[in-house]
Amino acid sequence: MNLSFCVRWPQPIASGANNGGHRKAETGKLVRRLPVSCRVANRQSANPMSRTNIIALLIFGAILGYFLSFGPETTQNFKAGVYRLLAPFLTGGSGIKKQITSVRSGLKSLDELEHENAALNVENRELRATNKGLRDVEHEVNRLRHALNYRERSMFKLVAAEVIARDSSSWWRTLTINRGKRDAIETDMPVVTDVGLVGKTTTVSDTISVVLLISDENCRIAASVEGSREQGIVSGERVTGGLTPLLDLNFLSKQADLKPGQKVYTSGVGGVFPSGLLIGAVKIFRVRELDGQAQLTPAVELSHLEDVFVVTGRR
C-alpha cells in the first residue's frame, strides 16, 4: 500500500528585499514538486460541507415533494397527527403561562391584601376605642340607673353627691364630696350608696363636705348581726399600702359562733346611723379572753367610690 502525505509549508517571512525573491523562488519550486493528489485534497478541505449540503437539500426536496403529492384528506390526517404529537407540549406551555399569570395576579393580590390589612388595623383600633367609650358610657348609665332606683325606693331622704377628692395621707380614711350646708348637709350625717354604708360627714362647709369612712379606726358604729341577737361595735382597722381594709365587730358574746357570710347592719343605737343600713359580712369569728370578735368585709368597695348619697332624714 502506497501512502502519500501532503505537507503545507508555512508562508515565508520577508526579511528584506534580496531575501524575499530568493525565498519566493524556493517556495514556488516546492509547490510545483507537490503531488496532484495533495493539491486535490487541499481543495476539498477548503470546502468540506459542500457535499453534505447538497445531500441535505436533495433529501429536503424529496420529502417536500412527497408531502406535496398527498391529497387533501391525507394532508389533514398528517396535520392531525402532528398536532396530536405537539398537544402535550402546547398544553404544558399553556399551563405554565397560566401559572405565571396566576403568580402575577397573586403578587398583586398580596399587595392589595397588605393594604387592606393596614386599613383594617386602623379601623380596628378606632372601633376598639369607640367600644371602650361605649362601655364606659354604659357603665355610667347603669350606675346612675341603680342610684336613681335606690333613691326612689329608699325610706330615707337622700341628697346625691359626687366624690371630688380623697385624703392623700391615707387612702381609706376620708373623702370629699361636692355637697355642703347649701344642700342641707350637716355634721354626723350618714353617707351611703345603693350597696351599703360608706361613713359619716365630719367637716361641712357651704359647698363641700368631708366624709369619715367606716374603715377608719375612729369611726364607730353600733351594729347587729343578721339571724342572731348579737350586737356590737364596728370600727375600722388601720392598714398600710394597698391592703383592702377590714372591719372589726367587737364586744360579741363568746357563744356567738358567727358564720362566714352573715350580714351585719346598723342597729340604730347612738342616733347617728339609722337602723337597717348594711355594713358588711362576716369573714371570720374568733373568741378572745373576754369576748368574741368578728372580722367583716365592707359591703361597699371603698376604693372605687364615685357617687354617694347623704342621708338627711326619714321620709
C-alpha atoms as a PDB file:
ATOM      1  CA  MET A   1       0.000   0.000   0.000  1.00  0.00           C
ATOM      2  CA  ASN A   2       1.343   3.374  -1.004  1.00  0.00           C
ATOM      3  CA  LEU A   3       0.863   6.225   1.461  1.00  0.00           C
ATOM      4  CA  SER A   4       1.170   9.758   0.334  1.00  0.00           C
ATOM      5  CA  PHE A   5       1.472  12.694   2.663  1.00  0.00           C
ATOM      6  CA  CYS A   6       0.527  16.231   1.867  1.00  0.00           C
ATOM      7  CA  VAL A   7       2.528  18.935   3.507  1.00  0.00           C
ATOM      8  CA  ARG A   8       1.545  22.570   3.771  1.00  0.00           C
ATOM      9  CA  TRP A   9       4.521  24.773   4.016  1.00  0.00           C
ATOM     10  CA  PRO A  10       4.326  27.895   6.068  1.00  0.00           C
ATOM     11  CA  GLN A  11       4.319  31.253   4.377  1.00  0.00           C
ATOM     12  CA  PRO A  12       7.753  32.813   4.107  1.00  0.00           C
ATOM     13  CA  ILE A  13       8.546  35.794   6.300  1.00  0.00           C
ATOM     14  CA  ALA A  14      10.046  38.638   4.406  1.00  0.00           C
ATOM     15  CA  SER A  15      13.277  39.860   5.987  1.00  0.00           C
ATOM     16  CA  GLY A  16      14.495  42.100   3.216  1.00  0.00           C
ATOM     17  CA  ALA A  17      14.388  42.893  -0.478  1.00  0.00           C
ATOM     18  CA  ASN A  18      17.117  40.412  -1.519  1.00  0.00           C
ATOM     19  CA  ASN A  19      15.967  37.540   0.602  1.00  0.00           C
ATOM     20  CA  GLY A  20      12.343  37.933  -0.469  1.00  0.00           C
ATOM     21  CA  GLY A  21      12.844  36.985  -4.059  1.00  0.00           C
ATOM     22  CA  HIS A  22      15.045  34.049  -3.263  1.00  0.00           C
ATOM     23  CA  ARG A  23      12.564  32.609  -0.785  1.00  0.00           C
ATOM     24  CA  LYS A  24       9.661  33.057  -3.234  1.00  0.00           C
ATOM     25  CA  ALA A  25      11.555  31.099  -5.827  1.00  0.00           C
ATOM     26  CA  GLU A  26      12.241  28.302  -3.424  1.00  0.00           C
ATOM     27  CA  THR A  27       8.611  28.207  -2.308  1.00  0.00           C
ATOM     28  CA  GLY A  28       7.420  28.018  -5.884  1.00  0.00           C
ATOM     29  CA  LYS A  29       9.701  25.111  -6.577  1.00  0.00           C
ATOM     30  CA  LEU A  30       8.365  23.296  -3.523  1.00  0.00           C
ATOM     31  CA  VAL A  31       4.742  23.806  -4.587  1.00  0.00           C
ATOM     32  CA  ARG A  32       5.443  22.577  -8.100  1.00  0.00           C
ATOM     33  CA  ARG A  33       7.002  19.476  -6.680  1.00  0.00           C
ATOM     34  CA  LEU A  34       3.819  18.504  -4.600  1.00  0.00           C
ATOM     35  CA  PRO A  35       1.817  15.547  -5.970  1.00  0.00           C
ATOM     36  CA  VAL A  36      -1.559  16.115  -7.671  1.00  0.00           C
ATOM     37  CA  SER A  37      -3.449  14.142  -5.002  1.00  0.00           C
ATOM     38  CA  CYS A  38      -2.263  16.536  -2.304  1.00  0.00           C
ATOM     39  CA  ARG A  39      -3.453  19.539  -4.251  1.00  0.00           C
ATOM     40  CA  VAL A  40      -6.899  17.930  -4.729  1.00  0.00           C
ATOM     41  CA  ALA A  41      -7.128  17.146  -1.013  1.00  0.00           C
ATOM     42  CA  ASN A  42      -6.266  20.718  -0.179  1.00  0.00           C
ATOM     43  CA  ARG A  43      -9.070  21.983  -2.436  1.00  0.00           C
ATOM     44  CA  GLN A  44     -11.582  19.566  -0.855  1.00  0.00           C
ATOM     45  CA  SER A  45     -10.627  20.534   2.692  1.00  0.00           C
ATOM     46  CA  ALA A  46     -11.180  24.197   1.822  1.00  0.00           C
ATOM     47  CA  ASN A  47     -14.921  23.463   1.306  1.00  0.00           C
ATOM     48  CA  PRO A  48     -15.749  20.380   3.439  1.00  0.00           C
ATOM     49  CA  MET A  49     -19.603  20.946   3.759  1.00  0.00           C
ATOM     50  CA  SER A  50     -20.496  21.319   0.075  1.00  0.00           C
ATOM     51  CA  ARG A  51     -21.322  17.658  -0.486  1.00  0.00           C
ATOM     52  CA  THR A  52     -23.279  17.432   2.817  1.00  0.00           C
ATOM     53  CA  ASN A  53     -25.330  20.491   1.963  1.00  0.00           C
ATOM     54  CA  ILE A  54     -26.193  19.081  -1.439  1.00  0.00           C
ATOM     55  CA  ILE A  55     -27.320  15.798   0.084  1.00  0.00           C
ATOM     56  CA  ALA A  56     -29.443  17.617   2.694  1.00  0.00           C
ATOM     57  CA  LEU A  57     -31.111  19.743   0.033  1.00  0.00           C
ATOM     58  CA  LEU A  58     -31.883  16.681  -2.027  1.00  0.00           C
ATOM     59  CA  ILE A  59     -33.440  14.910   0.971  1.00  0.00           C
ATOM     60  CA  PHE A  60     -35.500  18.000   1.900  1.00  0.00           C
ATOM     61  CA  GLY A  61     -36.697  18.341  -1.693  1.00  0.00           C
ATOM     62  CA  ALA A  62     -37.675  14.695  -1.815  1.00  0.00           C
ATOM     63  CA  ILE A  63     -39.617  14.969   1.463  1.00  0.00           C
ATOM     64  CA  LEU A  64     -41.306  18.179   0.301  1.00  0.00           C
ATOM     65  CA  GLY A  65     -42.266  16.593  -2.979  1.00  0.00           C
ATOM     66  CA  TYR A  66     -43.561  13.556  -1.113  1.00  0.00           C
ATOM     67  CA  PHE A  67     -45.821  15.688   1.055  1.00  0.00           C
ATOM     68  CA  LEU A  68     -46.979  17.795  -1.868  1.00  0.00           C
ATOM     69  CA  SER A  69     -48.121  14.639  -3.584  1.00  0.00           C
ATOM     70  CA  PHE A  70     -50.607  13.987  -0.729  1.00  0.00           C
ATOM     71  CA  GLY A  71     -54.298  14.589  -1.298  1.00  0.00           C
ATOM     72  CA  PRO A  72     -56.372  16.938   0.928  1.00  0.00           C
ATOM     73  CA  GLU A  73     -57.586  14.143   3.198  1.00  0.00           C
ATOM     74  CA  THR A  74     -54.090  12.741   3.697  1.00  0.00           C
ATOM     75  CA  THR A  75     -52.775  16.233   4.428  1.00  0.00           C
ATOM     76  CA  GLN A  76     -55.471  16.764   7.065  1.00  0.00           C
ATOM     77  CA  ASN A  77     -54.674  13.421   8.672  1.00  0.00           C
ATOM     78  CA  PHE A  78     -50.997  14.297   8.709  1.00  0.00           C
ATOM     79  CA  LYS A  79     -51.712  17.648  10.324  1.00  0.00           C
ATOM     80  CA  ALA A  80     -53.903  15.923  12.908  1.00  0.00           C
ATOM     81  CA  GLY A  81     -51.080  13.520  13.715  1.00  0.00           C
ATOM     82  CA  VAL A  82     -48.594  16.353  14.078  1.00  0.00           C
ATOM     83  CA  TYR A  83     -50.936  18.270  16.368  1.00  0.00           C
ATOM     84  CA  ARG A  84     -51.534  15.099  18.358  1.00  0.00           C
ATOM     85  CA  LEU A  85     -47.813  14.820  18.938  1.00  0.00           C
ATOM     86  CA  LEU A  86     -47.456  18.506  19.798  1.00  0.00           C
ATOM     87  CA  ALA A  87     -50.565  18.683  22.003  1.00  0.00           C
ATOM     88  CA  PRO A  88     -48.823  17.736  25.305  1.00  0.00           C
ATOM     89  CA  PHE A  89     -46.165  20.384  24.755  1.00  0.00           C
ATOM     90  CA  LEU A  90     -48.714  23.020  23.783  1.00  0.00           C
ATOM     91  CA  THR A  91     -50.867  22.129  26.799  1.00  0.00           C
ATOM     92  CA  GLY A  92     -47.853  22.263  29.100  1.00  0.00           C
ATOM     93  CA  GLY A  93     -46.857  25.629  27.737  1.00  0.00           C
ATOM     94  CA  SER A  94     -50.376  26.929  28.216  1.00  0.00           C
ATOM     95  CA  GLY A  95     -50.380  25.637  31.807  1.00  0.00           C
ATOM     96  CA  ILE A  96     -47.062  27.320  32.533  1.00  0.00           C
ATOM     97  CA  LYS A  97     -48.402  30.574  31.099  1.00  0.00           C
ATOM     98  CA  LYS A  98     -51.480  30.291  33.296  1.00  0.00           C
ATOM     99  CA  GLN A  99     -49.308  29.617  36.343  1.00  0.00           C
ATOM    100  CA  ILE A 100     -47.157  32.649  35.591  1.00  0.00           C
ATOM    101  CA  THR A 101     -50.276  34.761  35.167  1.00  0.00           C
ATOM    102  CA  SER A 102     -51.657  33.331  38.407  1.00  0.00           C
ATOM    103  CA  VAL A 103     -48.412  34.145  40.251  1.00  0.00           C
ATOM    104  CA  ARG A 104     -48.509  37.704  38.950  1.00  0.00           C
ATOM    105  CA  SER A 105     -52.142  38.030  39.999  1.00  0.00           C
ATOM    106  CA  GLY A 106     -51.221  36.528  43.377  1.00  0.00           C
ATOM    107  CA  LEU A 107     -48.470  39.074  43.893  1.00  0.00           C
ATOM    108  CA  LYS A 108     -50.887  41.847  43.061  1.00  0.00           C
ATOM    109  CA  SER A 109     -53.433  40.335  45.409  1.00  0.00           C
ATOM    110  CA  LEU A 110     -50.849  40.193  48.212  1.00  0.00           C
ATOM    111  CA  ASP A 111     -50.161  43.902  47.818  1.00  0.00           C
ATOM    112  CA  GLU A 112     -53.859  44.623  47.876  1.00  0.00           C
ATOM    113  CA  LEU A 113     -54.319  42.381  50.925  1.00  0.00           C
ATOM    114  CA  GLU A 114     -51.478  44.126  52.744  1.00  0.00           C
ATOM    115  CA  HIS A 115     -53.055  47.500  52.044  1.00  0.00           C
ATOM    116  CA  GLU A 116     -56.456  46.244  53.140  1.00  0.00           C
ATOM    117  CA  ASN A 117     -54.917  44.715  56.275  1.00  0.00           C
ATOM    118  CA  ALA A 118     -53.332  48.039  57.237  1.00  0.00           C
ATOM    119  CA  ALA A 119     -56.664  49.800  56.700  1.00  0.00           C
ATOM    120  CA  LEU A 120     -58.457  47.158  58.768  1.00  0.00           C
ATOM    121  CA  ASN A 121     -55.934  47.530  61.595  1.00  0.00           C
ATOM    122  CA  VAL A 122     -56.600  51.268  61.724  1.00  0.00           C
ATOM    123  CA  GLU A 123     -60.327  50.670  61.647  1.00  0.00           C
ATOM    124  CA  ASN A 124     -59.982  48.014  64.352  1.00  0.00           C
ATOM    125  CA  ARG A 125     -58.160  50.420  66.667  1.00  0.00           C
ATOM    126  CA  GLU A 126     -60.821  53.040  66.075  1.00  0.00           C
ATOM    127  CA  LEU A 127     -63.578  50.532  66.789  1.00  0.00           C
ATOM    128  CA  ARG A 128     -61.833  49.419  69.980  1.00  0.00           C
ATOM    129  CA  ALA A 129     -61.612  52.989  71.182  1.00  0.00           C
ATOM    130  CA  THR A 130     -65.258  53.537  70.301  1.00  0.00           C
ATOM    131  CA  ASN A 131     -66.219  50.288  72.002  1.00  0.00           C
ATOM    132  CA  LYS A 132     -64.356  51.265  75.152  1.00  0.00           C
ATOM    133  CA  GLY A 133     -66.062  54.633  75.155  1.00  0.00           C
ATOM    134  CA  LEU A 134     -69.448  52.977  74.747  1.00  0.00           C
ATOM    135  CA  ARG A 135     -68.699  50.564  77.571  1.00  0.00           C
ATOM    136  CA  ASP A 136     -67.753  53.451  79.816  1.00  0.00           C
ATOM    137  CA  VAL A 137     -70.980  55.210  78.911  1.00  0.00           C
ATOM    138  CA  GLU A 138     -72.938  52.016  79.532  1.00  0.00           C
ATOM    139  CA  HIS A 139     -71.267  51.587  82.912  1.00  0.00           C
ATOM    140  CA  GLU A 140     -72.058  55.187  83.803  1.00  0.00           C
ATOM    141  CA  VAL A 141     -75.685  54.813  82.717  1.00  0.00           C
ATOM    142  CA  ASN A 142     -76.109  51.582  84.689  1.00  0.00           C
ATOM    143  CA  ARG A 143     -74.517  53.128  87.769  1.00  0.00           C
ATOM    144  CA  LEU A 144     -76.750  56.168  87.616  1.00  0.00           C
ATOM    145  CA  ARG A 145     -79.793  53.990  86.965  1.00  0.00           C
ATOM    146  CA  HIS A 146     -79.065  51.892  90.052  1.00  0.00           C
ATOM    147  CA  ALA A 147     -78.519  55.015  92.122  1.00  0.00           C
ATOM    148  CA  LEU A 148     -81.782  56.518  90.878  1.00  0.00           C
ATOM    149  CA  ASN A 149     -83.693  53.320  91.619  1.00  0.00           C
ATOM    150  CA  TYR A 150     -82.186  53.189  95.115  1.00  0.00           C
ATOM    151  CA  ARG A 151     -83.127  56.792  95.740  1.00  0.00           C
ATOM    152  CA  GLU A 152     -86.738  56.158  94.666  1.00  0.00           C
ATOM    153  CA  ARG A 153     -87.245  53.076  96.799  1.00  0.00           C
ATOM    154  CA  SER A 154     -85.273  54.224  99.844  1.00  0.00           C
ATOM    155  CA  MET A 155     -87.091  55.048 103.108  1.00  0.00           C
ATOM    156  CA  PHE A 156     -84.638  57.931 103.696  1.00  0.00           C
ATOM    157  CA  LYS A 157     -84.324  61.406 102.300  1.00  0.00           C
ATOM    158  CA  LEU A 158     -81.194  61.302 100.170  1.00  0.00           C
ATOM    159  CA  VAL A 159     -79.007  64.034  98.670  1.00  0.00           C
ATOM    160  CA  ALA A 160     -76.845  62.847  95.776  1.00  0.00           C
ATOM    161  CA  ALA A 161     -73.174  63.850  95.891  1.00  0.00           C
ATOM    162  CA  GLU A 162     -70.061  63.283  93.811  1.00  0.00           C
ATOM    163  CA  VAL A 163     -66.690  62.299  95.229  1.00  0.00           C
ATOM    164  CA  ILE A 164     -64.236  65.039  94.265  1.00  0.00           C
ATOM    165  CA  ALA A 165     -61.164  64.241  96.413  1.00  0.00           C
ATOM    166  CA  ARG A 166     -59.564  61.754  98.782  1.00  0.00           C
ATOM    167  CA  ASP A 167     -57.263  62.193 101.725  1.00  0.00           C
ATOM    168  CA  SER A 168     -53.736  61.863 100.280  1.00  0.00           C
ATOM    169  CA  SER A 169     -52.248  60.817 103.624  1.00  0.00           C
ATOM    170  CA  SER A 170     -54.308  57.630 103.787  1.00  0.00           C
ATOM    171  CA  TRP A 171     -56.437  56.151 101.018  1.00  0.00           C
ATOM    172  CA  TRP A 172     -59.036  54.718 103.350  1.00  0.00           C
ATOM    173  CA  ARG A 173     -59.667  57.447 105.927  1.00  0.00           C
ATOM    174  CA  THR A 174     -61.655  60.281 104.357  1.00  0.00           C
ATOM    175  CA  LEU A 175     -63.003  61.617 101.102  1.00  0.00           C
ATOM    176  CA  THR A 176     -64.558  64.921  99.995  1.00  0.00           C
ATOM    177  CA  ILE A 177     -67.923  65.375  98.308  1.00  0.00           C
ATOM    178  CA  ASN A 178     -69.394  68.328  96.405  1.00  0.00           C
ATOM    179  CA  ARG A 179     -72.303  68.997  98.761  1.00  0.00           C
ATOM    180  CA  GLY A 180     -72.421  71.230 101.862  1.00  0.00           C
ATOM    181  CA  LYS A 181     -74.596  73.435 104.010  1.00  0.00           C
ATOM    182  CA  ARG A 182     -76.298  74.948 100.987  1.00  0.00           C
ATOM    183  CA  ASP A 183     -77.644  71.449 100.262  1.00  0.00           C
ATOM    184  CA  ALA A 184     -78.890  70.928 103.870  1.00  0.00           C
ATOM    185  CA  ILE A 185     -75.838  68.807 104.760  1.00  0.00           C
ATOM    186  CA  GLU A 186     -74.786  68.842 108.402  1.00  0.00           C
ATOM    187  CA  THR A 187     -72.146  67.170 110.551  1.00  0.00           C
ATOM    188  CA  ASP A 188     -72.616  63.480 111.524  1.00  0.00           C
ATOM    189  CA  MET A 189     -74.966  62.605 108.684  1.00  0.00           C
ATOM    190  CA  PRO A 190     -74.710  59.049 107.306  1.00  0.00           C
ATOM    191  CA  VAL A 191     -73.272  58.629 103.819  1.00  0.00           C
ATOM    192  CA  VAL A 192     -74.387  55.598 101.789  1.00  0.00           C
ATOM    193  CA  THR A 193     -74.580  54.040  98.329  1.00  0.00           C
ATOM    194  CA  ASP A 194     -77.151  51.678  96.880  1.00  0.00           C
ATOM    195  CA  VAL A 195     -74.964  48.838  98.230  1.00  0.00           C
ATOM    196  CA  GLY A 196     -74.427  49.884 101.837  1.00  0.00           C
ATOM    197  CA  LEU A 197     -72.907  52.248 104.396  1.00  0.00           C
ATOM    198  CA  VAL A 198     -69.885  54.423 103.454  1.00  0.00           C
ATOM    199  CA  GLY A 199     -69.323  56.630 106.501  1.00  0.00           C
ATOM    200  CA  LYS A 200     -70.473  59.919 108.001  1.00  0.00           C
ATOM    201  CA  THR A 201     -69.905  63.608 107.414  1.00  0.00           C
ATOM    202  CA  THR A 202     -67.431  65.355 109.721  1.00  0.00           C
ATOM    203  CA  THR A 203     -66.409  68.758 108.401  1.00  0.00           C
ATOM    204  CA  VAL A 204     -69.069  70.625 106.436  1.00  0.00           C
ATOM    205  CA  SER A 205     -68.650  73.896 104.526  1.00  0.00           C
ATOM    206  CA  ASP A 206     -71.045  75.726 102.256  1.00  0.00           C
ATOM    207  CA  THR A 207     -70.299  73.704  99.120  1.00  0.00           C
ATOM    208  CA  ILE A 208     -68.209  70.680 100.160  1.00  0.00           C
ATOM    209  CA  SER A 209     -68.102  68.165 102.994  1.00  0.00           C
ATOM    210  CA  VAL A 210     -65.525  65.723 104.373  1.00  0.00           C
ATOM    211  CA  VAL A 211     -66.699  62.133 104.917  1.00  0.00           C
ATOM    212  CA  LEU A 212     -65.085  59.847 107.502  1.00  0.00           C
ATOM    213  CA  LEU A 213     -65.115  56.306 106.083  1.00  0.00           C
ATOM    214  CA  ILE A 214     -66.263  53.294 108.097  1.00  0.00           C
ATOM    215  CA  SER A 215     -62.813  51.784 107.521  1.00  0.00           C
ATOM    216  CA  ASP A 216     -61.236  54.471 109.704  1.00  0.00           C
ATOM    217  CA  GLU A 217     -60.462  53.279 113.240  1.00  0.00           C
ATOM    218  CA  ASN A 218     -62.055  56.452 114.623  1.00  0.00           C
ATOM    219  CA  CYS A 219     -65.409  55.668 113.051  1.00  0.00           C
ATOM    220  CA  ARG A 220     -67.538  53.560 115.438  1.00  0.00           C
ATOM    221  CA  ILE A 221     -70.945  52.140 114.551  1.00  0.00           C
ATOM    222  CA  ALA A 222     -73.464  50.251 116.670  1.00  0.00           C
ATOM    223  CA  ALA A 223     -74.346  47.069 114.773  1.00  0.00           C
ATOM    224  CA  SER A 224     -76.432  43.914 114.909  1.00  0.00           C
ATOM    225  CA  VAL A 225     -75.882  40.545 113.238  1.00  0.00           C
ATOM    226  CA  GLU A 226     -78.460  39.079 110.869  1.00  0.00           C
ATOM    227  CA  GLY A 227     -80.174  35.982 112.206  1.00  0.00           C
ATOM    228  CA  SER A 228     -78.994  36.398 115.798  1.00  0.00           C
ATOM    229  CA  ARG A 229     -79.395  38.582 118.881  1.00  0.00           C
ATOM    230  CA  GLU A 230     -75.732  39.537 118.821  1.00  0.00           C
ATOM    231  CA  GLN A 231     -74.858  43.222 118.879  1.00  0.00           C
ATOM    232  CA  GLY A 232     -71.526  45.007 118.992  1.00  0.00           C
ATOM    233  CA  ILE A 233     -69.480  47.976 117.872  1.00  0.00           C
ATOM    234  CA  VAL A 234     -67.933  48.134 114.393  1.00  0.00           C
ATOM    235  CA  SER A 235     -64.695  50.044 113.882  1.00  0.00           C
ATOM    236  CA  GLY A 236     -62.122  50.217 111.106  1.00  0.00           C
ATOM    237  CA  GLU A 237     -58.615  48.757 111.052  1.00  0.00           C
ATOM    238  CA  ARG A 238     -55.541  50.816 110.316  1.00  0.00           C
ATOM    239  CA  VAL A 239     -53.983  49.434 107.147  1.00  0.00           C
ATOM    240  CA  THR A 240     -50.945  50.441 105.094  1.00  0.00           C
ATOM    241  CA  GLY A 241     -50.101  50.152 101.439  1.00  0.00           C
ATOM    242  CA  GLY A 242     -52.633  48.672  99.058  1.00  0.00           C
ATOM    243  CA  LEU A 243     -54.232  46.266 101.533  1.00  0.00           C
ATOM    244  CA  THR A 244     -58.005  46.050 101.426  1.00  0.00           C
ATOM    245  CA  PRO A 245     -59.416  47.389 104.713  1.00  0.00           C
ATOM    246  CA  LEU A 246     -61.394  45.155 107.029  1.00  0.00           C
ATOM    247  CA  LEU A 247     -63.761  45.991 109.852  1.00  0.00           C
ATOM    248  CA  ASP A 248     -63.819  44.645 113.409  1.00  0.00           C
ATOM    249  CA  LEU A 249     -67.082  43.804 115.189  1.00  0.00           C
ATOM    250  CA  ASN A 250     -66.189  43.831 118.879  1.00  0.00           C
ATOM    251  CA  PHE A 251     -67.938  43.064 122.162  1.00  0.00           C
ATOM    252  CA  LEU A 252     -69.752  39.960 120.985  1.00  0.00           C
ATOM    253  CA  SER A 253     -70.520  37.078 123.331  1.00  0.00           C
ATOM    254  CA  LYS A 254     -68.169  34.128 123.328  1.00  0.00           C
ATOM    255  CA  GLN A 255     -71.072  31.900 122.336  1.00  0.00           C
ATOM    256  CA  ALA A 256     -71.955  33.997 119.250  1.00  0.00           C
ATOM    257  CA  ASP A 257     -70.352  31.471 116.855  1.00  0.00           C
ATOM    258  CA  LEU A 258     -70.956  33.637 113.788  1.00  0.00           C
ATOM    259  CA  LYS A 259     -70.623  32.023 110.352  1.00  0.00           C
ATOM    260  CA  PRO A 260     -68.830  33.478 107.316  1.00  0.00           C
ATOM    261  CA  GLY A 261     -71.236  35.404 105.122  1.00  0.00           C
ATOM    262  CA  GLN A 262     -73.623  36.524 107.847  1.00  0.00           C
ATOM    263  CA  LYS A 263     -74.615  40.144 107.210  1.00  0.00           C
ATOM    264  CA  VAL A 264     -74.156  42.954 109.708  1.00  0.00           C
ATOM    265  CA  TYR A 265     -76.446  46.021 109.769  1.00  0.00           C
ATOM    266  CA  THR A 266     -76.592  49.264 111.714  1.00  0.00           C
ATOM    267  CA  SER A 267     -78.661  48.835 114.884  1.00  0.00           C
ATOM    268  CA  GLY A 268     -79.683  52.467 115.248  1.00  0.00           C
ATOM    269  CA  VAL A 269     -78.180  52.807 118.717  1.00  0.00           C
ATOM    270  CA  GLY A 270     -76.358  56.101 119.247  1.00  0.00           C
ATOM    271  CA  GLY A 271     -78.522  58.233 116.999  1.00  0.00           C
ATOM    272  CA  VAL A 272     -76.002  58.884 114.187  1.00  0.00           C
ATOM    273  CA  PHE A 273     -76.743  55.913 111.914  1.00  0.00           C
ATOM    274  CA  PRO A 274     -80.340  54.774 111.425  1.00  0.00           C
ATOM    275  CA  SER A 275     -81.053  51.078 111.700  1.00  0.00           C
ATOM    276  CA  GLY A 276     -81.076  48.797 108.710  1.00  0.00           C
ATOM    277  CA  LEU A 277     -78.033  50.084 106.760  1.00  0.00           C
ATOM    278  CA  LEU A 278     -75.820  47.258 105.523  1.00  0.00           C
ATOM    279  CA  ILE A 279     -72.277  47.473 106.897  1.00  0.00           C
ATOM    280  CA  GLY A 280     -70.673  44.270 105.664  1.00  0.00           C
ATOM    281  CA  ALA A 281     -70.475  40.491 106.005  1.00  0.00           C
ATOM    282  CA  VAL A 282     -68.708  38.225 108.498  1.00  0.00           C
ATOM    283  CA  LYS A 283     -65.381  36.874 107.292  1.00  0.00           C
ATOM    284  CA  ILE A 284     -64.138  35.060 110.422  1.00  0.00           C
ATOM    285  CA  PHE A 285     -65.161  34.769 114.069  1.00  0.00           C
ATOM    286  CA  ARG A 286     -62.801  34.215 116.954  1.00  0.00           C
ATOM    287  CA  VAL A 287     -63.156  34.023 120.747  1.00  0.00           C
ATOM    288  CA  ARG A 288     -60.953  36.298 122.796  1.00  0.00           C
ATOM    289  CA  GLU A 289     -60.271  36.231 126.521  1.00  0.00           C
ATOM    290  CA  LEU A 290     -63.195  38.466 127.479  1.00  0.00           C
ATOM    291  CA  ASP A 291     -65.481  38.468 124.412  1.00  0.00           C
ATOM    292  CA  GLY A 292     -65.962  37.351 120.863  1.00  0.00           C
ATOM    293  CA  GLN A 293     -64.806  39.251 117.794  1.00  0.00           C
ATOM    294  CA  ALA A 294     -65.786  39.021 114.126  1.00  0.00           C
ATOM    295  CA  GLN A 295     -63.843  40.375 111.220  1.00  0.00           C
ATOM    296  CA  LEU A 296     -66.022  41.891 108.498  1.00  0.00           C
ATOM    297  CA  THR A 297     -65.618  42.631 104.803  1.00  0.00           C
ATOM    298  CA  PRO A 298     -67.186  46.029 103.938  1.00  0.00           C
ATOM    299  CA  ALA A 299     -70.247  45.842 101.704  1.00  0.00           C
ATOM    300  CA  VAL A 300     -69.130  48.903  99.729  1.00  0.00           C
ATOM    301  CA  GLU A 301     -65.895  48.822  97.727  1.00  0.00           C
ATOM    302  CA  LEU A 302     -64.456  51.957  99.216  1.00  0.00           C
ATOM    303  CA  SER A 303     -61.626  52.305  96.713  1.00  0.00           C
ATOM    304  CA  HIS A 304     -63.959  52.846  93.729  1.00  0.00           C
ATOM    305  CA  LEU A 305     -66.465  55.355  95.028  1.00  0.00           C
ATOM    306  CA  GLU A 306     -67.701  57.910  92.519  1.00  0.00           C
ATOM    307  CA  ASP A 307     -71.174  58.897  93.678  1.00  0.00           C
ATOM    308  CA  VAL A 308     -72.752  58.686  97.132  1.00  0.00           C
ATOM    309  CA  PHE A 309     -75.885  59.765  98.960  1.00  0.00           C
ATOM    310  CA  VAL A 310     -76.090  61.762 102.158  1.00  0.00           C
ATOM    311  CA  VAL A 311     -78.962  60.697 104.440  1.00  0.00           C
ATOM    312  CA  THR A 312     -80.683  63.855 105.658  1.00  0.00           C
ATOM    313  CA  GLY A 313     -83.635  62.150 107.419  1.00  0.00           C
ATOM    314  CA  ARG A 314     -86.523  59.771 107.024  1.00  0.00           C
ATOM    315  CA  ARG A 315     -89.418  60.210 104.656  1.00  0.00           C
END
